[in-house]
PDB file of N, CA and C in Angstrom:
ATOM      1  N   MET A   1     165.018-101.091  11.235  1.00  0.00           N
ATOM      2  CA  MET A   1     166.277-100.243  11.744  1.00  0.00           C
ATOM      3  C   MET A   1     166.189 -99.036  10.196  1.00  0.00           C
ATOM      4  N   LYS A   2     165.747 -99.551   8.709  1.00  0.00           N
ATOM      5  CA  LYS A   2     166.104 -98.669   7.724  1.00  0.00           C
ATOM      6  C   LYS A   2     165.013 -97.281   8.046  1.00  0.00           C
ATOM      7  N   GLN A   3     163.526 -97.663   8.800  1.00  0.00           N
ATOM      8  CA  GLN A   3     163.075 -96.575   8.995  1.00  0.00           C
ATOM      9  C   GLN A   3     163.303 -95.595   9.861  1.00  0.00           C
ATOM     10  N   ARG A   4     164.652 -96.038  10.866  1.00  0.00           N
ATOM     11  CA  ARG A   4     165.279 -94.852  11.626  1.00  0.00           C
ATOM     12  C   ARG A   4     165.954 -94.439  10.822  1.00  0.00           C
ATOM     13  N   VAL A   5     166.885 -94.736  10.422  1.00  0.00           N
ATOM     14  CA  VAL A   5     167.803 -94.334   9.504  1.00  0.00           C
ATOM     15  C   VAL A   5     167.300 -92.868   8.390  1.00  0.00           C
ATOM     16  N   MET A   6     166.206 -93.465   7.967  1.00  0.00           N
ATOM     17  CA  MET A   6     165.428 -92.726   7.116  1.00  0.00           C
ATOM     18  C   MET A   6     164.947 -91.300   7.962  1.00  0.00           C
ATOM     19  N   LYS A   7     164.614 -91.738   9.052  1.00  0.00           N
ATOM     20  CA  LYS A   7     163.846 -90.571   9.968  1.00  0.00           C
ATOM     21  C   LYS A   7     164.984 -89.355  10.135  1.00  0.00           C
ATOM     22  N   PHE A   8     166.172 -90.254  10.716  1.00  0.00           N
ATOM     23  CA  PHE A   8     167.206 -89.588  11.120  1.00  0.00           C
ATOM     24  C   PHE A   8     167.392 -88.757   9.883  1.00  0.00           C
ATOM     25  N   SER A   9     167.855 -89.277   8.503  1.00  0.00           N
ATOM     26  CA  SER A   9     168.498 -88.359   7.768  1.00  0.00           C
ATOM     27  C   SER A   9     167.369 -87.470   7.196  1.00  0.00           C
ATOM     28  N   MET A  10     166.094 -87.382   7.157  1.00  0.00           N
ATOM     29  CA  MET A  10     165.134 -86.583   6.731  1.00  0.00           C
ATOM     30  C   MET A  10     165.433 -85.392   7.516  1.00  0.00           C
ATOM     31  N   LEU A  11     165.154 -85.499   8.872  1.00  0.00           N
ATOM     32  CA  LEU A  11     165.615 -84.799  10.376  1.00  0.00           C
ATOM     33  C   LEU A  11     166.750 -84.099   9.881  1.00  0.00           C
ATOM     34  N   ALA A  12     167.788 -84.804   9.806  1.00  0.00           N
ATOM     35  CA  ALA A  12     169.239 -83.967   9.400  1.00  0.00           C
ATOM     36  C   ALA A  12     168.892 -82.617   8.181  1.00  0.00           C
ATOM     37  N   VAL A  13     168.447 -83.717   6.999  1.00  0.00           N
ATOM     38  CA  VAL A  13     168.340 -82.553   5.964  1.00  0.00           C
ATOM     39  C   VAL A  13     167.228 -81.447   6.361  1.00  0.00           C
ATOM     40  N   LEU A  14     166.428 -81.724   7.183  1.00  0.00           N
ATOM     41  CA  LEU A  14     165.328 -80.246   7.239  1.00  0.00           C
ATOM     42  C   LEU A  14     166.393 -79.463   8.245  1.00  0.00           C
ATOM     43  N   ALA A  15     166.965 -79.938   9.312  1.00  0.00           N
ATOM     44  CA  ALA A  15     167.697 -79.010  10.320  1.00  0.00           C
ATOM     45  C   ALA A  15     168.734 -78.040   9.259  1.00  0.00           C
ATOM     46  N   VAL A  16     169.159 -78.773   8.568  1.00  0.00           N
ATOM     47  CA  VAL A  16     170.026 -78.193   7.706  1.00  0.00           C
ATOM     48  C   VAL A  16     169.945 -76.950   6.782  1.00  0.00           C
ATOM     49  N   SER A  17     168.072 -77.291   6.125  1.00  0.00           N
ATOM     50  CA  SER A  17     167.887 -76.374   5.392  1.00  0.00           C
ATOM     51  C   SER A  17     167.082 -75.060   5.929  1.00  0.00           C
ATOM     52  N   PHE A  18     166.620 -75.516   7.305  1.00  0.00           N
ATOM     53  CA  PHE A  18     166.125 -74.504   7.868  1.00  0.00           C
ATOM     54  C   PHE A  18     167.458 -73.617   8.426  1.00  0.00           C
ATOM     55  N   ALA A  19     168.445 -73.846   8.831  1.00  0.00           N
ATOM     56  CA  ALA A  19     169.380 -73.640   9.486  1.00  0.00           C
ATOM     57  C   ALA A  19     170.042 -72.489   8.000  1.00  0.00           C
ATOM     58  N   CYS A  20     170.180 -73.102   7.067  1.00  0.00           N
ATOM     59  CA  CYS A  20     170.777 -72.357   6.056  1.00  0.00           C
ATOM     60  C   CYS A  20     169.897 -71.247   5.582  1.00  0.00           C
ATOM     61  N   ALA A  21     168.449 -71.215   5.644  1.00  0.00           N
ATOM     62  CA  ALA A  21     167.580 -70.533   5.439  1.00  0.00           C
ATOM     63  C   ALA A  21     167.502 -69.100   6.240  1.00  0.00           C
ATOM     64  N   SER A  22     167.616 -69.675   7.345  1.00  0.00           N
ATOM     65  CA  SER A  22     167.479 -68.032   8.410  1.00  0.00           C
ATOM     66  C   SER A  22     168.926 -67.328   8.111  1.00  0.00           C
ATOM     67  N   ALA A  23     170.016 -68.324   7.735  1.00  0.00           N
ATOM     68  CA  ALA A  23     171.352 -67.532   7.466  1.00  0.00           C
ATOM     69  C   ALA A  23     171.171 -66.494   6.475  1.00  0.00           C
ATOM     70  N   ALA A  24     170.557 -67.191   5.436  1.00  0.00           N
ATOM     71  CA  ALA A  24     170.337 -66.323   4.289  1.00  0.00           C
ATOM     72  C   ALA A  24     169.145 -64.849   4.750  1.00  0.00           C
ATOM     73  N   VAL A  25     168.538 -65.203   5.596  1.00  0.00           N
ATOM     74  CA  VAL A  25     167.638 -63.991   5.715  1.00  0.00           C
ATOM     75  C   VAL A  25     168.613 -63.017   6.855  1.00  0.00           C
ATOM     76  N   LEU A  26     169.056 -63.245   7.263  1.00  0.00           N
ATOM     77  CA  LEU A  26     170.203 -62.231   8.589  1.00  0.00           C
ATOM     78  C   LEU A  26     170.871 -61.582   7.435  1.00  0.00           C
ATOM     79  N   GLY A  27     171.442 -62.146   5.745  1.00  0.00           N
ATOM     80  CA  GLY A  27     172.434 -61.460   5.678  1.00  0.00           C
ATOM     81  C   GLY A  27     172.114 -59.932   4.740  1.00  0.00           C
ATOM     82  N   GLN A  28     170.449 -60.370   4.459  1.00  0.00           N
ATOM     83  CA  GLN A  28     170.144 -59.036   3.842  1.00  0.00           C
ATOM     84  C   GLN A  28     170.356 -58.121   4.100  1.00  0.00           C
ATOM     85  N   ASN A  29     170.457 -57.012   3.276  1.00  0.00           N
ATOM     86  CA  ASN A  29     170.774 -55.725   3.668  1.00  0.00           C
ATOM     87  C   ASN A  29     169.590 -54.683   3.361  1.00  0.00           C
ATOM     88  N   ASN A  30     169.107 -54.099   4.009  1.00  0.00           N
ATOM     89  CA  ASN A  30     167.561 -53.420   3.941  1.00  0.00           C
ATOM     90  C   ASN A  30     168.022 -52.145   3.867  1.00  0.00           C
ATOM     91  N   ASN A  31     169.222 -51.597   3.747  1.00  0.00           N
ATOM     92  CA  ASN A  31     169.327 -50.051   3.356  1.00  0.00           C
ATOM     93  C   ASN A  31     169.571 -49.596   2.286  1.00  0.00           C
ATOM     94  N   THR A  32     169.329 -50.635   1.285  1.00  0.00           N
ATOM     95  CA  THR A  32     168.850 -49.667  -0.128  1.00  0.00           C
ATOM     96  C   THR A  32     167.879 -49.494  -0.316  1.00  0.00           C
ATOM     97  N   ASN A  33     166.711 -49.776   1.127  1.00  0.00           N
ATOM     98  CA  ASN A  33     165.230 -48.763   0.573  1.00  0.00           C
ATOM     99  C   ASN A  33     165.434 -47.514   1.008  1.00  0.00           C
ATOM    100  N   THR A  34     166.529 -46.706   1.223  1.00  0.00           N
ATOM    101  CA  THR A  34     166.559 -45.813   1.948  1.00  0.00           C
ATOM    102  C   THR A  34     167.206 -44.430   0.523  1.00  0.00           C
ATOM    103  N   ALA A  35     167.448 -43.430   0.545  1.00  0.00           N
ATOM    104  CA  ALA A  35     167.792 -42.701  -0.472  1.00  0.00           C
ATOM    105  C   ALA A  35     169.444 -42.937  -0.155  1.00  0.00           C
ATOM    106  N   GLY A  36     169.686 -42.738   0.760  1.00  0.00           N
ATOM    107  CA  GLY A  36     171.409 -42.939   1.257  1.00  0.00           C
ATOM    108  C   GLY A  36     171.824 -44.271   0.983  1.00  0.00           C
ATOM    109  N   GLY A  37     170.857 -45.282   1.216  1.00  0.00           N
ATOM    110  CA  GLY A  37     171.270 -46.502   0.801  1.00  0.00           C
ATOM    111  C   GLY A  37     171.324 -46.714  -0.604  1.00  0.00           C
ATOM    112  N   GLN A  38     170.879 -46.146  -1.505  1.00  0.00           N
ATOM    113  CA  GLN A  38     170.636 -46.434  -3.048  1.00  0.00           C
ATOM    114  C   GLN A  38     171.680 -45.587  -3.418  1.00  0.00           C
ATOM    115  N   MET A  39     172.334 -44.420  -2.626  1.00  0.00           N
ATOM    116  CA  MET A  39     173.537 -43.614  -3.205  1.00  0.00           C
ATOM    117  C   MET A  39     174.787 -44.612  -2.825  1.00  0.00           C
ATOM    118  N   LYS A  40     174.894 -44.876  -1.794  1.00  0.00           N
ATOM    119  CA  LYS A  40     176.077 -46.051  -1.215  1.00  0.00           C
ATOM    120  C   LYS A  40     176.085 -47.325  -2.403  1.00  0.00           C
ATOM    121  N   GLN A  41     174.942 -47.611  -2.579  1.00  0.00           N
ATOM    122  CA  GLN A  41     174.960 -48.875  -3.658  1.00  0.00           C
ATOM    123  C   GLN A  41     175.763 -48.330  -5.148  1.00  0.00           C
ATOM    124  N   SER A  42     175.121 -46.998  -5.455  1.00  0.00           N
ATOM    125  CA  SER A  42     175.811 -46.813  -6.533  1.00  0.00           C
ATOM    126  C   SER A  42     177.335 -46.600  -6.462  1.00  0.00           C
ATOM    127  N   GLY A  43     177.773 -46.083  -5.702  1.00  0.00           N
ATOM    128  CA  GLY A  43     179.059 -45.746  -5.483  1.00  0.00           C
ATOM    129  C   GLY A  43     179.867 -47.316  -5.334  1.00  0.00           C
ATOM    130  N   LYS A  44     179.208 -48.484  -4.570  1.00  0.00           N
ATOM    131  CA  LYS A  44     179.841 -49.767  -4.691  1.00  0.00           C
ATOM    132  C   LYS A  44     179.951 -50.628  -6.269  1.00  0.00           C
ATOM    133  N   GLU A  45     178.690 -50.189  -6.939  1.00  0.00           N
ATOM    134  CA  GLU A  45     178.951 -50.592  -8.401  1.00  0.00           C
ATOM    135  C   GLU A  45     179.776 -49.509  -9.230  1.00  0.00           C
ATOM    136  N   THR A  46     179.979 -48.511  -8.896  1.00  0.00           N
ATOM    137  CA  THR A  46     180.988 -47.810  -9.633  1.00  0.00           C
ATOM    138  C   THR A  46     182.819 -48.284  -9.105  1.00  0.00           C
ATOM    139  N   LYS A  47     182.770 -48.774  -7.912  1.00  0.00           N
ATOM    140  CA  LYS A  47     184.238 -49.368  -7.503  1.00  0.00           C
ATOM    141  C   LYS A  47     184.319 -50.587  -8.109  1.00  0.00           C
ATOM    142  N   GLU A  48     183.070 -51.453  -8.409  1.00  0.00           N
ATOM    143  CA  GLU A  48     183.090 -53.030  -9.054  1.00  0.00           C
ATOM    144  C   GLU A  48     183.395 -52.537 -10.194  1.00  0.00           C
ATOM    145  N   ALA A  49     182.736 -51.580 -10.912  1.00  0.00           N
ATOM    146  CA  ALA A  49     182.990 -51.235 -12.465  1.00  0.00           C
ATOM    147  C   ALA A  49     184.649 -51.021 -12.893  1.00  0.00           C
ATOM    148  N   GLY A  50     185.164 -50.175 -12.010  1.00  0.00           N
ATOM    149  CA  GLY A  50     186.572 -50.088 -12.070  1.00  0.00           C
ATOM    150  C   GLY A  50     187.473 -51.369 -11.886  1.00  0.00           C
ATOM    151  N   LYS A  51     187.118 -51.524 -10.984  1.00  0.00           N
ATOM    152  CA  LYS A  51     187.869 -53.053 -10.544  1.00  0.00           C
ATOM    153  C   LYS A  51     187.958 -54.186 -11.737  1.00  0.00           C
ATOM    154  N   SER A  52     186.375 -54.545 -12.364  1.00  0.00           N
ATOM    155  CA  SER A  52     186.202 -55.195 -13.253  1.00  0.00           C
ATOM    156  C   SER A  52     186.755 -54.848 -14.760  1.00  0.00           C
ATOM    157  N   MET A  53     186.830 -53.665 -15.205  1.00  0.00           N
ATOM    158  CA  MET A  53     187.763 -53.179 -16.249  1.00  0.00           C
ATOM    159  C   MET A  53     188.878 -53.601 -16.308  1.00  0.00           C
ATOM    160  N   GLY A  54     189.553 -52.823 -14.801  1.00  0.00           N
ATOM    161  CA  GLY A  54     191.187 -53.303 -14.575  1.00  0.00           C
ATOM    162  C   GLY A  54     191.540 -54.517 -14.744  1.00  0.00           C
ATOM    163  N   ARG A  55     190.867 -55.393 -13.870  1.00  0.00           N
ATOM    164  CA  ARG A  55     191.091 -57.076 -13.868  1.00  0.00           C
ATOM    165  C   ARG A  55     191.446 -57.229 -15.377  1.00  0.00           C
ATOM    166  N   HIS A  56     190.267 -57.044 -16.343  1.00  0.00           N
ATOM    167  CA  HIS A  56     189.838 -57.782 -17.908  1.00  0.00           C
ATOM    168  C   HIS A  56     191.193 -57.080 -18.663  1.00  0.00           C
ATOM    169  N   VAL A  57     191.261 -55.661 -18.356  1.00  0.00           N
ATOM    170  CA  VAL A  57     192.353 -54.908 -19.464  1.00  0.00           C
ATOM    171  C   VAL A  57     193.836 -55.643 -18.629  1.00  0.00           C
ATOM    172  N   LYS A  58     194.112 -55.985 -17.765  1.00  0.00           N
ATOM    173  CA  LYS A  58     195.384 -56.436 -17.199  1.00  0.00           C
ATOM    174  C   LYS A  58     195.442 -57.377 -18.035  1.00  0.00           C
ATOM    175  N   HIS A  59     194.591 -58.555 -18.327  1.00  0.00           N
ATOM    176  CA  HIS A  59     194.662 -59.717 -19.010  1.00  0.00           C
ATOM    177  C   HIS A  59     194.655 -59.835 -20.407  1.00  0.00           C
ATOM    178  N   GLY A  60     194.315 -58.610 -20.800  1.00  0.00           N
ATOM    179  CA  GLY A  60     194.315 -58.020 -22.509  1.00  0.00           C
ATOM    180  C   GLY A  60     192.911 -58.476 -22.844  1.00  0.00           C
ATOM    181  N   ARG A  61     191.898 -58.191 -22.206  1.00  0.00           N
ATOM    182  CA  ARG A  61     190.427 -58.436 -22.667  1.00  0.00           C
ATOM    183  C   ARG A  61     189.470 -56.979 -22.585  1.00  0.00           C
ATOM    184  N   ILE A  62     190.267 -56.206 -23.312  1.00  0.00           N
ATOM    185  CA  ILE A  62     189.603 -54.841 -23.546  1.00  0.00           C
ATOM    186  C   ILE A  62     188.337 -54.880 -23.543  1.00  0.00           C
ATOM    187  N   VAL A  63     187.841 -55.438 -24.598  1.00  0.00           N
ATOM    188  CA  VAL A  63     186.559 -55.224 -24.850  1.00  0.00           C
ATOM    189  C   VAL A  63     185.473 -55.659 -23.980  1.00  0.00           C
ATOM    190  N   LYS A  64     186.138 -56.831 -23.518  1.00  0.00           N
ATOM    191  CA  LYS A  64     185.024 -57.762 -22.554  1.00  0.00           C
ATOM    192  C   LYS A  64     185.169 -56.450 -21.142  1.00  0.00           C
ATOM    193  N   GLY A  65     186.608 -55.981 -20.758  1.00  0.00           N
ATOM    194  CA  GLY A  65     186.402 -54.830 -19.744  1.00  0.00           C
ATOM    195  C   GLY A  65     185.294 -54.095 -20.183  1.00  0.00           C
ATOM    196  N   GLY A  66     185.521 -53.451 -21.096  1.00  0.00           N
ATOM    197  CA  GLY A  66     184.538 -52.305 -21.530  1.00  0.00           C
ATOM    198  C   GLY A  66     182.965 -52.828 -21.355  1.00  0.00           C
ATOM    199  N   LYS A  67     182.352 -53.824 -21.667  1.00  0.00           N
ATOM    200  CA  LYS A  67     181.415 -54.273 -21.446  1.00  0.00           C
ATOM    201  C   LYS A  67     180.939 -54.266 -20.039  1.00  0.00           C
ATOM    202  N   HIS A  68     181.715 -55.129 -19.284  1.00  0.00           N
ATOM    203  CA  HIS A  68     181.273 -55.112 -17.842  1.00  0.00           C
ATOM    204  C   HIS A  68     181.290 -53.399 -16.935  1.00  0.00           C
ATOM    205  N   PHE A  69     181.994 -52.955 -17.634  1.00  0.00           N
ATOM    206  CA  PHE A  69     182.139 -51.456 -17.105  1.00  0.00           C
ATOM    207  C   PHE A  69     180.796 -50.842 -17.260  1.00  0.00           C
ATOM    208  N   GLY A  70     180.846 -50.934 -18.676  1.00  0.00           N
ATOM    209  CA  GLY A  70     179.081 -50.546 -18.993  1.00  0.00           C
ATOM    210  C   GLY A  70     178.003 -50.975 -18.329  1.00  0.00           C
ATOM    211  N   LYS A  71     178.178 -52.236 -17.816  1.00  0.00           N
ATOM    212  CA  LYS A  71     176.841 -52.964 -17.244  1.00  0.00           C
ATOM    213  C   LYS A  71     176.732 -52.431 -15.680  1.00  0.00           C
ATOM    214  N   HIS A  72     178.247 -52.300 -15.071  1.00  0.00           N
ATOM    215  CA  HIS A  72     178.120 -51.914 -13.640  1.00  0.00           C
ATOM    216  C   HIS A  72     177.858 -50.410 -13.818  1.00  0.00           C
ATOM    217  N   MET A  73     177.983 -49.670 -14.648  1.00  0.00           N
ATOM    218  CA  MET A  73     177.690 -48.053 -14.504  1.00  0.00           C
ATOM    219  C   MET A  73     176.666 -48.009 -14.618  1.00  0.00           C
ATOM    220  N   GLY A  74     175.993 -48.726 -15.766  1.00  0.00           N
ATOM    221  CA  GLY A  74     174.294 -48.702 -16.008  1.00  0.00           C
ATOM    222  C   GLY A  74     173.491 -48.941 -14.616  1.00  0.00           C
ATOM    223  N   ARG A  75     174.152 -50.190 -13.713  1.00  0.00           N
ATOM    224  CA  ARG A  75     173.587 -49.961 -12.351  1.00  0.00           C
ATOM    225  C   ARG A  75     173.889 -49.080 -11.415  1.00  0.00           C
ATOM    226  N   ALA A  76     174.788 -48.670 -11.778  1.00  0.00           N
ATOM    227  CA  ALA A  76     175.027 -47.401 -10.577  1.00  0.00           C
ATOM    228  C   ALA A  76     174.213 -46.182 -11.082  1.00  0.00           C
ATOM    229  N   GLY A  77     173.985 -45.974 -11.964  1.00  0.00           N
ATOM    230  CA  GLY A  77     173.318 -44.875 -12.618  1.00  0.00           C
ATOM    231  C   GLY A  77     171.584 -45.266 -12.320  1.00  0.00           C
ATOM    232  N   LYS A  78     171.321 -46.514 -12.560  1.00  0.00           N
ATOM    233  CA  LYS A  78     169.998 -46.921 -11.720  1.00  0.00           C
ATOM    234  C   LYS A  78     169.690 -46.845 -10.349  1.00  0.00           C
ATOM    235  N   HIS A  79     170.756 -47.104  -9.489  1.00  0.00           N
ATOM    236  CA  HIS A  79     170.716 -46.849  -8.012  1.00  0.00           C
ATOM    237  C   HIS A  79     170.649 -45.417  -7.512  1.00  0.00           C
ATOM    238  N   PHE A  80     171.715 -44.422  -8.608  1.00  0.00           N
ATOM    239  CA  PHE A  80     171.611 -43.157  -8.118  1.00  0.00           C
ATOM    240  C   PHE A  80     170.585 -42.547  -8.518  1.00  0.00           C
ATOM    241  N   GLY A  81     169.567 -42.957  -9.771  1.00  0.00           N
ATOM    242  CA  GLY A  81     168.647 -41.999 -10.052  1.00  0.00           C
ATOM    243  C   GLY A  81     167.368 -42.729  -9.250  1.00  0.00           C
ATOM    244  N   LYS A  82     167.210 -43.845  -8.432  1.00  0.00           N
ATOM    245  CA  LYS A  82     166.500 -43.996  -7.307  1.00  0.00           C
ATOM    246  C   LYS A  82     166.576 -43.262  -6.482  1.00  0.00           C
ATOM    247  N   GLY A  83     167.954 -42.933  -5.573  1.00  0.00           N
ATOM    248  CA  GLY A  83     168.419 -42.214  -4.703  1.00  0.00           C
ATOM    249  C   GLY A  83     167.651 -41.041  -4.972  1.00  0.00           C
ATOM    250  N   THR A  84     167.922 -39.983  -6.297  1.00  0.00           N
ATOM    251  CA  THR A  84     167.369 -38.834  -6.036  1.00  0.00           C
ATOM    252  C   THR A  84     165.814 -38.757  -6.107  1.00  0.00           C
ATOM    253  N   LYS A  85     165.415 -39.694  -6.341  1.00  0.00           N
ATOM    254  CA  LYS A  85     163.704 -39.712  -6.562  1.00  0.00           C
ATOM    255  C   LYS A  85     163.263 -39.782  -5.349  1.00  0.00           C
ATOM    256  N   LYS A  86     164.080 -40.664  -4.483  1.00  0.00           N
ATOM    257  CA  LYS A  86     163.233 -40.636  -3.173  1.00  0.00           C
ATOM    258  C   LYS A  86     163.729 -39.634  -2.313  1.00  0.00           C
ATOM    259  N   ALA A  87     164.974 -39.003  -2.360  1.00  0.00           N
ATOM    260  CA  ALA A  87     165.500 -38.013  -2.075  1.00  0.00           C
ATOM    261  C   ALA A  87     164.480 -37.125  -1.901  1.00  0.00           C
ATOM    262  N   VAL A  88     163.982 -36.702  -3.665  1.00  0.00           N
ATOM    263  CA  VAL A  88     163.256 -35.222  -3.691  1.00  0.00           C
ATOM    264  C   VAL A  88     162.098 -35.632  -3.208  1.00  0.00           C
ATOM    265  N   LYS A  89     161.242 -36.468  -3.482  1.00  0.00           N
ATOM    266  CA  LYS A  89     160.058 -37.043  -2.998  1.00  0.00           C
ATOM    267  C   LYS A  89     159.916 -36.782  -1.676  1.00  0.00           C
ATOM    268  N   LYS A  90     160.807 -36.872  -0.576  1.00  0.00           N
ATOM    269  CA  LYS A  90     161.074 -36.503   0.890  1.00  0.00           C
ATOM    270  C   LYS A  90     161.131 -35.060   0.895  1.00  0.00           C
ATOM    271  N   ALA A  91     161.934 -34.413   0.395  1.00  0.00           N
ATOM    272  CA  ALA A  91     161.700 -33.183   0.254  1.00  0.00           C
ATOM    273  C   ALA A  91     160.612 -32.240   0.026  1.00  0.00           C
ATOM    274  N   VAL A  92     159.951 -33.101  -0.861  1.00  0.00           N
ATOM    275  CA  VAL A  92     158.842 -32.280  -1.507  1.00  0.00           C
ATOM    276  C   VAL A  92     157.906 -32.378  -0.441  1.00  0.00           C
ATOM    277  N   SER A  93     157.287 -33.190   0.081  1.00  0.00           N
ATOM    278  CA  SER A  93     156.586 -33.760   1.068  1.00  0.00           C
ATOM    279  C   SER A  93     156.457 -33.836   2.104  1.00  0.00           C
TER     280      SER A  93
END
């Protein structure tokens, strides 16, 4: 009886883990591999920068808001630069 329960529980754990793994793969966004995708991601980061700073300033945490704003803007610049690089490479070649 114990072996049956162990087999069943192991099978259930494996089924759940495979189901979660496939859901994670389906949720990936591959648009960031293109120049337009990088530019779009840059805009999303800029939006998050403003929202994050606004939330922190609203609650009186001005320095923390500025720090998060800078981090998001840095990531936005990184995405914008990557997008520009890909666009120029495509235009030149």
